[in-house]
Every structure is written in structure tokens, then in C-alpha cells.
PDB file of N, CA and C in Angstrom:
ATOM      1  N   MET A   1     -15.270  -5.642  15.552  1.00  0.00           N
ATOM      2  CA  MET A   1     -15.429  -6.176  14.223  1.00  0.00           C
ATOM      3  C   MET A   1     -15.635  -5.076  13.190  1.00  0.00           C
ATOM      4  N   ASN A   2     -16.097  -3.905  13.624  1.00  0.00           N
ATOM      5  CA  ASN A   2     -16.263  -2.801  12.678  1.00  0.00           C
ATOM      6  C   ASN A   2     -14.884  -2.317  12.250  1.00  0.00           C
ATOM      7  N   ALA A   3     -14.758  -1.976  10.999  1.00  0.00           N
ATOM      8  CA  ALA A   3     -13.442  -1.594  10.494  1.00  0.00           C
ATOM      9  C   ALA A   3     -13.516  -0.270   9.750  1.00  0.00           C
ATOM     10  N   CYS A   4     -12.423   0.402   9.764  1.00  0.00           N
ATOM     11  CA  CYS A   4     -12.229   1.569   8.924  1.00  0.00           C
ATOM     12  C   CYS A   4     -10.925   1.319   8.175  1.00  0.00           C
ATOM     13  N   GLY A   5     -10.274   2.329   7.719  1.00  0.00           N
ATOM     14  CA  GLY A   5      -9.066   2.122   6.936  1.00  0.00           C
ATOM     15  C   GLY A   5      -7.777   2.124   7.723  1.00  0.00           C
ATOM     16  N   HIS A   6      -7.839   2.340   9.035  1.00  0.00           N
ATOM     17  CA  HIS A   6      -6.606   2.483   9.800  1.00  0.00           C
ATOM     18  C   HIS A   6      -5.697   1.261   9.726  1.00  0.00           C
ATOM     19  N   HIS A   7      -6.266   0.076   9.733  1.00  0.00           N
ATOM     20  CA  HIS A   7      -5.422  -1.116   9.701  1.00  0.00           C
ATOM     21  C   HIS A   7      -4.692  -1.247   8.365  1.00  0.00           C
ATOM     22  N   HIS A   8      -5.236  -0.644   7.318  1.00  0.00           N
ATOM     23  CA  HIS A   8      -4.591  -0.707   6.001  1.00  0.00           C
ATOM     24  C   HIS A   8      -3.362   0.195   5.898  1.00  0.00           C
ATOM     25  N   VAL A   9      -3.309   1.224   6.714  1.00  0.00           N
ATOM     26  CA  VAL A   9      -2.193   2.165   6.631  1.00  0.00           C
ATOM     27  C   VAL A   9      -1.350   2.196   7.910  1.00  0.00           C
ATOM     28  N   GLY A  10      -1.586   1.262   8.807  1.00  0.00           N
ATOM     29  CA  GLY A  10      -0.793   1.201  10.023  1.00  0.00           C
ATOM     30  C   GLY A  10       0.526   0.490   9.783  1.00  0.00           C
ATOM     31  N   ASN A  11       1.554   0.906  10.493  1.00  0.00           N
ATOM     32  CA  ASN A  11       2.811   0.154  10.445  1.00  0.00           C
ATOM     33  C   ASN A  11       2.529  -1.290  10.831  1.00  0.00           C
ATOM     34  N   ILE A  12       1.689  -1.460  11.850  1.00  0.00           N
ATOM     35  CA  ILE A  12       1.131  -2.754  12.221  1.00  0.00           C
ATOM     36  C   ILE A  12      -0.373  -2.549  12.308  1.00  0.00           C
ATOM     37  N   GLY A  13      -1.119  -3.291  11.514  1.00  0.00           N
ATOM     38  CA  GLY A  13      -2.569  -3.150  11.503  1.00  0.00           C
ATOM     39  C   GLY A  13      -3.248  -4.417  11.967  1.00  0.00           C
ATOM     40  N   ILE A  14      -4.368  -4.262  12.663  1.00  0.00           N
ATOM     41  CA  ILE A  14      -5.122  -5.407  13.159  1.00  0.00           C
ATOM     42  C   ILE A  14      -6.582  -5.224  12.754  1.00  0.00           C
ATOM     43  N   LEU A  15      -7.128  -6.210  12.067  1.00  0.00           N
ATOM     44  CA  LEU A  15      -8.510  -6.166  11.594  1.00  0.00           C
ATOM     45  C   LEU A  15      -9.271  -7.352  12.156  1.00  0.00           C
ATOM     46  N   GLY A  16     -10.392  -7.086  12.810  1.00  0.00           N
ATOM     47  CA  GLY A  16     -11.245  -8.155  13.305  1.00  0.00           C
ATOM     48  C   GLY A  16     -11.978  -8.810  12.150  1.00  0.00           C
ATOM     49  N   VAL A  17     -11.978 -10.131  12.108  1.00  0.00           N
ATOM     50  CA  VAL A  17     -12.687 -10.874  11.066  1.00  0.00           C
ATOM     51  C   VAL A  17     -13.553 -11.944  11.721  1.00  0.00           C
ATOM     52  N   ASP A  18     -14.644 -12.282  11.064  1.00  0.00           N
ATOM     53  CA  ASP A  18     -15.568 -13.283  11.566  1.00  0.00           C
ATOM     54  C   ASP A  18     -15.307 -14.606  10.863  1.00  0.00           C
ATOM     55  N   LYS A  19     -15.016 -15.635  11.643  1.00  0.00           N
ATOM     56  CA  LYS A  19     -14.828 -16.980  11.099  1.00  0.00           C
ATOM     57  C   LYS A  19     -15.847 -17.887  11.762  1.00  0.00           C
ATOM     58  N   LYS A  20     -16.902 -18.178  11.023  1.00  0.00           N
ATOM     59  CA  LYS A  20     -17.954 -19.070  11.516  1.00  0.00           C
ATOM     60  C   LYS A  20     -18.491 -18.618  12.873  1.00  0.00           C
ATOM     61  N   GLY A  21     -18.722 -17.311  12.994  1.00  0.00           N
ATOM     62  CA  GLY A  21     -19.289 -16.760  14.212  1.00  0.00           C
ATOM     63  C   GLY A  21     -18.291 -16.481  15.323  1.00  0.00           C
ATOM     64  N   GLN A  22     -17.020 -16.726  15.096  1.00  0.00           N
ATOM     65  CA  GLN A  22     -15.993 -16.442  16.090  1.00  0.00           C
ATOM     66  C   GLN A  22     -15.123 -15.288  15.613  1.00  0.00           C
ATOM     67  N   GLU A  23     -14.636 -14.513  16.570  1.00  0.00           N
ATOM     68  CA  GLU A  23     -13.820 -13.357  16.253  1.00  0.00           C
ATOM     69  C   GLU A  23     -12.344 -13.748  16.161  1.00  0.00           C
ATOM     70  N   TRP A  24     -11.729 -13.434  15.025  1.00  0.00           N
ATOM     71  CA  TRP A  24     -10.314 -13.655  14.779  1.00  0.00           C
ATOM     72  C   TRP A  24      -9.715 -12.330  14.328  1.00  0.00           C
ATOM     73  N   TYR A  25      -8.404 -12.273  14.213  1.00  0.00           N
ATOM     74  CA  TYR A  25      -7.737 -11.026  13.864  1.00  0.00           C
ATOM     75  C   TYR A  25      -6.703 -11.237  12.775  1.00  0.00           C
ATOM     76  N   GLN A  26      -6.839 -10.436  11.740  1.00  0.00           N
ATOM     77  CA  GLN A  26      -5.899 -10.454  10.621  1.00  0.00           C
ATOM     78  C   GLN A  26      -4.861  -9.364  10.893  1.00  0.00           C
ATOM     79  N   VAL A  27      -3.600  -9.701  10.787  1.00  0.00           N
ATOM     80  CA  VAL A  27      -2.514  -8.759  11.067  1.00  0.00           C
ATOM     81  C   VAL A  27      -1.813  -8.395   9.763  1.00  0.00           C
ATOM     82  N   SER A  28      -1.553  -7.107   9.604  1.00  0.00           N
ATOM     83  CA  SER A  28      -0.831  -6.625   8.427  1.00  0.00           C
ATOM     84  C   SER A  28       0.292  -5.704   8.881  1.00  0.00           C
ATOM     85  N   VAL A  29       1.310  -5.579   8.060  1.00  0.00           N
ATOM     86  CA  VAL A  29       2.465  -4.738   8.396  1.00  0.00           C
ATOM     87  C   VAL A  29       2.900  -3.927   7.182  1.00  0.00           C
ATOM     88  N   GLY A  30       3.507  -2.785   7.464  1.00  0.00           N
ATOM     89  CA  GLY A  30       4.136  -1.997   6.413  1.00  0.00           C
ATOM     90  C   GLY A  30       3.314  -0.868   5.832  1.00  0.00           C
ATOM     91  N   GLY A  31       2.222  -0.505   6.462  1.00  0.00           N
ATOM     92  CA  GLY A  31       1.407   0.588   5.936  1.00  0.00           C
ATOM     93  C   GLY A  31       1.870   1.948   6.433  1.00  0.00           C
ATOM     94  N   SER A  32       1.457   2.974   5.708  1.00  0.00           N
ATOM     95  CA  SER A  32       1.742   4.350   6.099  1.00  0.00           C
ATOM     96  C   SER A  32       0.644   5.255   5.564  1.00  0.00           C
ATOM     97  N   GLY A  33       0.188   6.176   6.396  1.00  0.00           N
ATOM     98  CA  GLY A  33      -0.825   7.138   5.990  1.00  0.00           C
ATOM     99  C   GLY A  33      -0.255   8.528   5.796  1.00  0.00           C
ATOM    100  N   TYR A  34       1.043   8.636   5.675  1.00  0.00           N
ATOM    101  CA  TYR A  34       1.700   9.942   5.530  1.00  0.00           C
ATOM    102  C   TYR A  34       2.081  10.199   4.076  1.00  0.00           C
ATOM    103  N   GLU A  35       2.960  11.160   3.837  1.00  0.00           N
ATOM    104  CA  GLU A  35       3.348  11.511   2.467  1.00  0.00           C
ATOM    105  C   GLU A  35       3.916  10.325   1.703  1.00  0.00           C
ATOM    106  N   ASP A  36       4.501   9.385   2.433  1.00  0.00           N
ATOM    107  CA  ASP A  36       5.074   8.177   1.826  1.00  0.00           C
ATOM    108  C   ASP A  36       4.052   7.035   1.860  1.00  0.00           C
ATOM    109  N   ALA A  37       2.795   7.364   1.634  1.00  0.00           N
ATOM    110  CA  ALA A  37       1.671   6.429   1.808  1.00  0.00           C
ATOM    111  C   ALA A  37       1.918   5.071   1.156  1.00  0.00           C
ATOM    112  N   SER A  38       1.501   4.033   1.891  1.00  0.00           N
ATOM    113  CA  SER A  38       1.550   2.672   1.366  1.00  0.00           C
ATOM    114  C   SER A  38       0.516   1.838   2.104  1.00  0.00           C
ATOM    115  N   LEU A  39      -0.012   0.842   1.426  1.00  0.00           N
ATOM    116  CA  LEU A  39      -0.932  -0.091   2.058  1.00  0.00           C
ATOM    117  C   LEU A  39      -0.131  -1.212   2.701  1.00  0.00           C
ATOM    118  N   ALA A  40      -0.575  -1.619   3.864  1.00  0.00           N
ATOM    119  CA  ALA A  40       0.087  -2.705   4.573  1.00  0.00           C
ATOM    120  C   ALA A  40      -0.126  -4.027   3.844  1.00  0.00           C
ATOM    121  N   GLN A  41       0.766  -4.969   4.096  1.00  0.00           N
ATOM    122  CA  GLN A  41       0.663  -6.313   3.528  1.00  0.00           C
ATOM    123  C   GLN A  41       0.168  -7.275   4.615  1.00  0.00           C
ATOM    124  N   ILE A  42      -0.761  -8.142   4.260  1.00  0.00           N
ATOM    125  CA  ILE A  42      -1.286  -9.124   5.205  1.00  0.00           C
ATOM    126  C   ILE A  42      -0.227 -10.188   5.457  1.00  0.00           C
ATOM    127  N   LEU A  43       0.012 -10.490   6.745  1.00  0.00           N
ATOM    128  CA  LEU A  43       1.012 -11.498   7.101  1.00  0.00           C
ATOM    129  C   LEU A  43       0.633 -12.884   6.616  1.00  0.00           C
ATOM    130  N   GLY A  44      -0.605 -13.258   6.816  1.00  0.00           N
ATOM    131  CA  GLY A  44      -1.048 -14.609   6.463  1.00  0.00           C
ATOM    132  C   GLY A  44      -2.336 -14.923   7.189  1.00  0.00           C
ATOM    133  N   PRO A  45      -2.549 -16.184   7.548  1.00  0.00           N
ATOM    134  CA  PRO A  45      -3.779 -16.570   8.244  1.00  0.00           C
ATOM    135  C   PRO A  45      -3.997 -15.755   9.522  1.00  0.00           C
ATOM    136  N   SER A  46      -5.258 -15.561   9.865  1.00  0.00           N
ATOM    137  CA  SER A  46      -5.607 -14.757  11.038  1.00  0.00           C
ATOM    138  C   SER A  46      -5.325 -15.507  12.335  1.00  0.00           C
ATOM    139  N   PHE A  47      -5.429 -14.761  13.442  1.00  0.00           N
ATOM    140  CA  PHE A  47      -5.075 -15.260  14.764  1.00  0.00           C
ATOM    141  C   PHE A  47      -6.252 -15.145  15.724  1.00  0.00           C
ATOM    142  N   ALA A  48      -6.296 -16.052  16.692  1.00  0.00           N
ATOM    143  CA  ALA A  48      -7.266 -15.953  17.779  1.00  0.00           C
ATOM    144  C   ALA A  48      -6.870 -14.786  18.678  1.00  0.00           C
ATOM    145  N   ARG A  49      -7.853 -14.272  19.399  1.00  0.00           N
ATOM    146  CA  ARG A  49      -7.632 -13.104  20.261  1.00  0.00           C
ATOM    147  C   ARG A  49      -6.466 -13.301  21.222  1.00  0.00           C
ATOM    148  N   ASP A  50      -6.371 -14.460  21.850  1.00  0.00           N
ATOM    149  CA  ASP A  50      -5.323 -14.668  22.845  1.00  0.00           C
ATOM    150  C   ASP A  50      -3.925 -14.775  22.241  1.00  0.00           C
ATOM    151  N   GLN A  51      -3.813 -14.894  20.930  1.00  0.00           N
ATOM    152  CA  GLN A  51      -2.505 -14.966  20.268  1.00  0.00           C
ATOM    153  C   GLN A  51      -1.948 -13.589  19.916  1.00  0.00           C
ATOM    154  N   ILE A  52      -2.800 -12.582  19.850  1.00  0.00           N
ATOM    155  CA  ILE A  52      -2.391 -11.268  19.344  1.00  0.00           C
ATOM    156  C   ILE A  52      -1.237 -10.642  20.133  1.00  0.00           C
ATOM    157  N   PRO A  53      -1.234 -10.626  21.473  1.00  0.00           N
ATOM    158  CA  PRO A  53      -0.088 -10.014  22.166  1.00  0.00           C
ATOM    159  C   PRO A  53       1.254 -10.649  21.773  1.00  0.00           C
ATOM    160  N   ALA A  54       1.300 -11.968  21.654  1.00  0.00           N
ATOM    161  CA  ALA A  54       2.550 -12.644  21.275  1.00  0.00           C
ATOM    162  C   ALA A  54       2.935 -12.316  19.837  1.00  0.00           C
ATOM    163  N   VAL A  55       1.952 -12.214  18.952  1.00  0.00           N
ATOM    164  CA  VAL A  55       2.222 -11.862  17.553  1.00  0.00           C
ATOM    165  C   VAL A  55       2.843 -10.472  17.481  1.00  0.00           C
ATOM    166  N   ILE A  56       2.253  -9.521  18.176  1.00  0.00           N
ATOM    167  CA  ILE A  56       2.785  -8.149  18.168  1.00  0.00           C
ATOM    168  C   ILE A  56       4.199  -8.137  18.740  1.00  0.00           C
ATOM    169  N   GLN A  57       4.433  -8.875  19.814  1.00  0.00           N
ATOM    170  CA  GLN A  57       5.771  -8.931  20.404  1.00  0.00           C
ATOM    171  C   GLN A  57       6.785  -9.495  19.414  1.00  0.00           C
ATOM    172  N   LYS A  58       6.407 -10.516  18.667  1.00  0.00           N
ATOM    173  CA  LYS A  58       7.311 -11.093  17.671  1.00  0.00           C
ATOM    174  C   LYS A  58       7.623 -10.097  16.565  1.00  0.00           C
ATOM    175  N   LEU A  59       6.627  -9.322  16.136  1.00  0.00           N
ATOM    176  CA  LEU A  59       6.866  -8.297  15.112  1.00  0.00           C
ATOM    177  C   LEU A  59       7.836  -7.247  15.622  1.00  0.00           C
ATOM    178  N   VAL A  60       7.637  -6.820  16.848  1.00  0.00           N
ATOM    179  CA  VAL A  60       8.527  -5.821  17.448  1.00  0.00           C
ATOM    180  C   VAL A  60       9.935  -6.397  17.606  1.00  0.00           C
ATOM    181  N   ASN A  61      10.029  -7.655  18.002  1.00  0.00           N
ATOM    182  CA  ASN A  61      11.350  -8.281  18.160  1.00  0.00           C
ATOM    183  C   ASN A  61      12.115  -8.324  16.842  1.00  0.00           C
ATOM    184  N   VAL A  62      11.425  -8.634  15.739  1.00  0.00           N
ATOM    185  CA  VAL A  62      12.086  -8.626  14.434  1.00  0.00           C
ATOM    186  C   VAL A  62      12.630  -7.232  14.160  1.00  0.00           C
ATOM    187  N   HIS A  63      11.825  -6.236  14.422  1.00  0.00           N
ATOM    188  CA  HIS A  63      12.287  -4.856  14.207  1.00  0.00           C
ATOM    189  C   HIS A  63      13.524  -4.559  15.046  1.00  0.00           C
ATOM    190  N   LEU A  64      13.471  -4.889  16.322  1.00  0.00           N
ATOM    191  CA  LEU A  64      14.602  -4.586  17.210  1.00  0.00           C
ATOM    192  C   LEU A  64      15.873  -5.323  16.789  1.00  0.00           C
ATOM    193  N   GLU A  65      15.723  -6.537  16.279  1.00  0.00           N
ATOM    194  CA  GLU A  65      16.883  -7.323  15.845  1.00  0.00           C
ATOM    195  C   GLU A  65      17.432  -6.857  14.500  1.00  0.00           C
ATOM    196  N   GLN A  66      16.583  -6.340  13.635  1.00  0.00           N
ATOM    197  CA  GLN A  66      16.977  -6.021  12.261  1.00  0.00           C
ATOM    198  C   GLN A  66      17.237  -4.540  11.986  1.00  0.00           C
ATOM    199  N   ARG A  67      16.780  -3.680  12.867  1.00  0.00           N
ATOM    200  CA  ARG A  67      16.913  -2.242  12.574  1.00  0.00           C
ATOM    201  C   ARG A  67      18.374  -1.820  12.574  1.00  0.00           C
ATOM    202  N   GLN A  68      18.615  -0.760  11.858  1.00  0.00           N
ATOM    203  CA  GLN A  68      19.950  -0.176  11.803  1.00  0.00           C
ATOM    204  C   GLN A  68      19.903   1.136  12.572  1.00  0.00           C
ATOM    205  N   GLY A  69      20.673   1.219  13.642  1.00  0.00           N
ATOM    206  CA  GLY A  69      20.667   2.415  14.476  1.00  0.00           C
ATOM    207  C   GLY A  69      19.296   2.639  15.089  1.00  0.00           C
ATOM    208  N   GLU A  70      18.770   3.833  14.918  1.00  0.00           N
ATOM    209  CA  GLU A  70      17.456   4.199  15.450  1.00  0.00           C
ATOM    210  C   GLU A  70      16.375   4.130  14.374  1.00  0.00           C
ATOM    211  N   GLU A  71      16.562   3.279  13.391  1.00  0.00           N
ATOM    212  CA  GLU A  71      15.637   3.133  12.278  1.00  0.00           C
ATOM    213  C   GLU A  71      14.216   2.868  12.777  1.00  0.00           C
ATOM    214  N   LYS A  72      13.250   3.524  12.164  1.00  0.00           N
ATOM    215  CA  LYS A  72      11.844   3.338  12.514  1.00  0.00           C
ATOM    216  C   LYS A  72      11.327   2.015  11.963  1.00  0.00           C
ATOM    217  N   PHE A  73      10.227   1.524  12.556  1.00  0.00           N
ATOM    218  CA  PHE A  73       9.654   0.241  12.160  1.00  0.00           C
ATOM    219  C   PHE A  73       9.402   0.186  10.660  1.00  0.00           C
ATOM    220  N   LEU A  74       8.757   1.191  10.105  1.00  0.00           N
ATOM    221  CA  LEU A  74       8.412   1.186   8.689  1.00  0.00           C
ATOM    222  C   LEU A  74       9.655   1.162   7.804  1.00  0.00           C
ATOM    223  N   ASP A  75      10.671   1.899   8.187  1.00  0.00           N
ATOM    224  CA  ASP A  75      11.908   1.904   7.398  1.00  0.00           C
ATOM    225  C   ASP A  75      12.579   0.529   7.409  1.00  0.00           C
ATOM    226  N   THR A  76      12.575  -0.119   8.566  1.00  0.00           N
ATOM    227  CA  THR A  76      13.126  -1.471   8.639  1.00  0.00           C
ATOM    228  C   THR A  76      12.310  -2.418   7.772  1.00  0.00           C
ATOM    229  N   PHE A  77      10.984  -2.345   7.879  1.00  0.00           N
ATOM    230  CA  PHE A  77      10.114  -3.196   7.071  1.00  0.00           C
ATOM    231  C   PHE A  77      10.392  -3.008   5.583  1.00  0.00           C
ATOM    232  N   ARG A  78      10.483  -1.774   5.135  1.00  0.00           N
ATOM    233  CA  ARG A  78      10.711  -1.512   3.710  1.00  0.00           C
ATOM    234  C   ARG A  78      12.073  -2.023   3.253  1.00  0.00           C
ATOM    235  N   ARG A  79      13.045  -2.026   4.137  1.00  0.00           N
ATOM    236  CA  ARG A  79      14.382  -2.487   3.784  1.00  0.00           C
ATOM    237  C   ARG A  79      14.461  -4.010   3.727  1.00  0.00           C
ATOM    238  N   ILE A  80      13.833  -4.711   4.695  1.00  0.00           N
ATOM    239  CA  ILE A  80      14.005  -6.169   4.757  1.00  0.00           C
ATOM    240  C   ILE A  80      12.820  -6.942   4.189  1.00  0.00           C
ATOM    241  N   GLY A  81      11.676  -6.296   3.993  1.00  0.00           N
ATOM    242  CA  GLY A  81      10.505  -6.977   3.445  1.00  0.00           C
ATOM    243  C   GLY A  81       9.716  -7.749   4.486  1.00  0.00           C
ATOM    244  N   ILE A  82       8.676  -8.412   4.040  1.00  0.00           N
ATOM    245  CA  ILE A  82       7.731  -9.077   4.937  1.00  0.00           C
ATOM    246  C   ILE A  82       8.203 -10.448   5.429  1.00  0.00           C
ATOM    247  N   ASP A  83       9.062 -11.111   4.690  1.00  0.00           N
ATOM    248  CA  ASP A  83       9.418 -12.500   5.010  1.00  0.00           C
ATOM    249  C   ASP A  83       9.977 -12.707   6.422  1.00  0.00           C
ATOM    250  N   PRO A  84      10.884 -11.873   6.930  1.00  0.00           N
ATOM    251  CA  PRO A  84      11.364 -12.103   8.303  1.00  0.00           C
ATOM    252  C   PRO A  84      10.245 -12.013   9.346  1.00  0.00           C
ATOM    253  N   TYR A  85       9.273 -11.168   9.106  1.00  0.00           N
ATOM    254  CA  TYR A  85       8.142 -11.035  10.030  1.00  0.00           C
ATOM    255  C   TYR A  85       7.275 -12.285   9.975  1.00  0.00           C
ATOM    256  N   LYS A  86       6.990 -12.756   8.773  1.00  0.00           N
ATOM    257  CA  LYS A  86       6.205 -13.991   8.612  1.00  0.00           C
ATOM    258  C   LYS A  86       6.910 -15.168   9.273  1.00  0.00           C
ATOM    259  N   THR A  87       8.196 -15.295   9.032  1.00  0.00           N
ATOM    260  CA  THR A  87       8.969 -16.398   9.592  1.00  0.00           C
ATOM    261  C   THR A  87       8.880 -16.389  11.107  1.00  0.00           C
ATOM    262  N   SER A  88       9.030 -15.234  11.710  1.00  0.00           N
ATOM    263  CA  SER A  88       8.995 -15.123  13.163  1.00  0.00           C
ATOM    264  C   SER A  88       7.611 -15.460  13.718  1.00  0.00           C
ATOM    265  N   VAL A  89       6.586 -14.918  13.112  1.00  0.00           N
ATOM    266  CA  VAL A  89       5.220 -15.081  13.624  1.00  0.00           C
ATOM    267  C   VAL A  89       4.706 -16.502  13.441  1.00  0.00           C
ATOM    268  N   TYR A  90       5.022 -17.119  12.319  1.00  0.00           N
ATOM    269  CA  TYR A  90       4.477 -18.440  12.014  1.00  0.00           C
ATOM    270  C   TYR A  90       5.467 -19.580  12.285  1.00  0.00           C
ATOM    271  N   ALA A  91       6.595 -19.295  12.907  1.00  0.00           N
ATOM    272  CA  ALA A  91       7.627 -20.307  13.121  1.00  0.00           C
ATOM    273  C   ALA A  91       7.110 -21.518  13.879  1.00  0.00           C
ATOM    274  N   GLU A  92       6.302 -21.324  14.913  1.00  0.00           N
ATOM    275  CA  GLU A  92       5.810 -22.439  15.720  1.00  0.00           C
ATOM    276  C   GLU A  92       4.804 -23.287  14.952  1.00  0.00           C
ATOM    277  N   ALA A  93       4.141 -22.671  13.964  1.00  0.00           N
ATOM    278  CA  ALA A  93       3.121 -23.410  13.204  1.00  0.00           C
ATOM    279  C   ALA A  93       3.754 -24.384  12.216  1.00  0.00           C
ATOM    280  N   SER A  94       5.019 -24.172  11.885  1.00  0.00           N
ATOM    281  CA  SER A  94       5.688 -25.031  10.899  1.00  0.00           C
ATOM    282  C   SER A  94       6.064 -26.364  11.474  1.00  0.00           C
TER     283      SER A  94
END
């Protein structure tokens, strides 16, 4: 539950949050801590612990499906934006 700034600048960031005494995780994408610094964008509502592996897999799958050549995750994210990631992660909730 303790946080620092890493989740804000991670290509994929995970932040533990407390919801009524239970641990949940907020996921963000698109951050960078390098010369091209940017803050990640929050995907949406947080996830229970057991959902996180599937969420990460869905984010990676979007990258693998959308990347051009050997494009890095952040470059793909900046090119296509957050919406394809949100759609993939929250598709079952709709």
C-alpha cells in the first residue's frame, strides 16, 4: 500500500489503494521517467488483487497486436492512445 512515484512514470504502473479496508490496485499506462518524461494515465476503476495478472496480460496483448515492427510499449501507447487499452481491459465489464 505504500507508494512512491514509480507507478506514475511506469509504462505500466500499479498503485495499491484502500477501499473500505480492502486492498485494490489502480493501473495506469503511458508513463516515462526518461528524457521523454510523461505521467501515466489511469485506466479507470481499480482492480482486485486476483484480477491484476489478467489485466497486465490484456495490456501486453494490445501492445503486441497494435505495435509496428519492434515498437516499444510506450511508443505504441503514444501512437494509439489509451482507448484500446481501456476497451480491452474493461470489455467483460460492459
